[in-house]
Amino acid sequence: MPYPVRPDISHKFITVKIPDISTAGQVYFAPGFDGKIVKATSAIAGAIGTGDADLTLKIGGTAVTGGVITVATASSAAGDVDSCVPTALNSFTSAQAIEVETDGVSTNTVEVTITLELEPA
């Protein structure tokens, strides 16, 4: 069976981890090239509780339009995958930091891994 979506061969993938999706905070990385965020996908390592967790993408401190991944409490479990597809304000330069921010609304100490698909300019 073929892979359902074949990413462009020129796209780059960056994976970052946040040790606890339920604690407000952020991680940053510098891509090292100019481009745009095409997609972001998260996977959690356990169930979260109390409220949905939002992961917000930002470039240079500005929120990416359509760049919020919502991890729903109701369907959360280890291996739960969620994603978003940004629609605007998703271009970056090699000198800008890309940020992934968690809002800390949920409970339970659960690691989240986020993979960003980036299209070089």
Protein backbone atom coordinates (compact mmCIF):
# COMPACT_ATOMS: atom_id res chain seq x y z
CA MET A 1 0.00 0.00 0.00
CA PRO A 2 1.49 3.39 -0.94
CA TYR A 3 2.21 6.04 1.64
CA PRO A 4 -0.90 8.27 1.73
CA VAL A 5 0.91 11.59 1.34
CA ARG A 6 4.30 11.89 -0.27
CA PRO A 7 6.12 15.03 0.92
CA ASP A 8 8.16 17.01 -1.57
CA ILE A 9 11.70 15.63 -1.73
CA SER A 10 13.15 19.09 -1.00
CA HIS A 11 11.21 19.50 2.26
CA LYS A 12 13.13 19.34 5.54
CA PHE A 13 11.85 17.84 8.78
CA ILE A 14 12.77 19.11 12.26
CA THR A 15 11.69 17.30 15.41
CA VAL A 16 11.60 18.94 18.85
CA LYS A 17 10.43 17.68 22.23
CA ILE A 18 8.68 19.41 25.10
CA PRO A 19 9.14 17.40 28.31
CA ASP A 20 5.70 18.31 29.70
CA ILE A 21 2.81 19.45 27.50
CA SER A 22 0.89 20.37 30.66
CA THR A 23 3.37 23.02 31.81
CA ALA A 24 3.25 26.37 30.01
CA GLY A 25 6.50 26.94 28.15
CA GLN A 26 8.20 26.86 24.81
CA VAL A 27 11.07 25.48 22.78
CA TYR A 28 12.97 27.37 20.09
CA PHE A 29 15.15 26.37 17.17
CA ALA A 30 16.86 28.13 14.28
CA PRO A 31 16.21 26.40 10.95
CA GLY A 32 19.42 27.62 9.28
CA PHE A 33 17.73 28.40 5.95
CA ASP A 34 14.90 30.55 4.54
CA GLY A 35 11.55 28.87 3.96
CA LYS A 36 8.04 28.26 5.25
CA ILE A 37 6.30 25.90 7.65
CA VAL A 38 4.11 23.50 5.64
CA LYS A 39 2.78 21.26 8.42
CA ALA A 40 3.28 20.47 12.09
CA THR A 41 2.46 17.13 13.70
CA SER A 42 2.55 16.14 17.37
CA ALA A 43 2.59 12.83 19.20
CA ILE A 44 2.09 12.52 22.96
CA ALA A 45 3.55 9.91 25.29
CA GLY A 46 0.49 9.51 27.55
CA ALA A 47 -2.98 10.77 28.37
CA ILE A 48 -3.53 14.38 29.38
CA GLY A 49 -6.32 15.49 31.72
CA THR A 50 -8.55 18.44 32.68
CA GLY A 51 -8.39 20.50 29.46
CA ASP A 52 -7.24 20.43 25.86
CA ALA A 53 -3.60 21.38 25.27
CA ASP A 54 -2.74 23.88 22.53
CA LEU A 55 0.65 23.94 20.84
CA THR A 56 1.17 27.27 19.07
CA LEU A 57 3.75 27.88 16.34
CA LYS A 58 5.45 31.27 16.22
CA ILE A 59 8.11 32.82 14.02
CA GLY A 60 10.10 35.67 15.52
CA GLY A 61 7.44 35.96 18.25
CA THR A 62 4.52 36.25 15.79
CA ALA A 63 1.84 33.55 15.83
CA VAL A 64 1.57 31.51 12.62
CA THR A 65 -1.94 31.66 11.10
CA GLY A 66 -3.46 28.19 11.28
CA GLY A 67 -0.46 27.13 13.36
CA VAL A 68 -2.17 25.69 16.43
CA ILE A 69 -2.24 21.98 17.21
CA THR A 70 -4.98 21.08 19.69
CA VAL A 71 -4.47 17.89 21.67
CA ALA A 72 -7.93 16.95 22.91
CA THR A 73 -8.24 15.57 26.43
CA ALA A 74 -11.12 13.26 25.49
CA SER A 75 -9.14 11.28 22.91
CA SER A 76 -5.68 11.54 24.44
CA ALA A 77 -3.53 8.45 24.96
CA ALA A 78 0.06 7.46 24.35
CA GLY A 79 0.70 7.70 20.62
CA ASP A 80 -2.12 10.19 19.94
CA VAL A 81 -1.22 12.17 16.80
CA ASP A 82 -2.56 15.64 15.97
CA SER A 83 -1.52 18.18 13.35
CA CYS A 84 -2.06 21.58 11.78
CA VAL A 85 -1.45 23.10 8.35
CA PRO A 86 -0.47 26.78 8.53
CA THR A 87 -2.17 29.12 6.06
CA ALA A 88 -0.31 32.43 6.49
CA LEU A 89 2.48 34.16 8.41
CA ASN A 90 4.43 30.89 8.06
CA SER A 91 7.53 32.15 6.21
CA PHE A 92 10.84 32.44 8.03
CA THR A 93 14.43 33.48 7.37
CA SER A 94 17.57 31.73 8.50
CA ALA A 95 18.02 34.45 11.14
CA GLN A 96 14.61 33.90 12.79
CA ALA A 97 13.77 31.51 15.61
CA ILE A 98 10.82 29.18 15.25
CA GLU A 99 8.97 28.63 18.52
CA VAL A 100 6.59 25.91 19.67
CA GLU A 101 4.64 27.03 22.73
CA THR A 102 2.40 24.96 24.99
CA ASP A 103 -0.35 26.74 26.90
CA GLY A 104 -0.17 24.54 30.02
CA VAL A 105 -3.96 24.14 30.29
CA SER A 106 -3.94 20.34 30.54
CA THR A 107 -2.79 18.22 33.48
CA ASN A 108 -0.57 15.12 33.81
CA THR A 109 3.16 15.20 33.05
CA VAL A 110 3.26 14.03 29.43
CA GLU A 111 6.07 14.43 26.90
CA VAL A 112 5.11 15.69 23.44
CA THR A 113 7.19 15.34 20.27
CA ILE A 114 6.54 17.82 17.45
CA THR A 115 7.72 17.35 13.87
CA LEU A 116 7.69 20.35 11.55
CA GLU A 117 7.70 19.97 7.79
CA LEU A 118 9.62 22.92 6.33
CA GLU A 119 9.82 23.96 2.67
CA PRO A 120 13.10 25.71 1.77
CA ALA A 121 12.72 28.95 -0.20
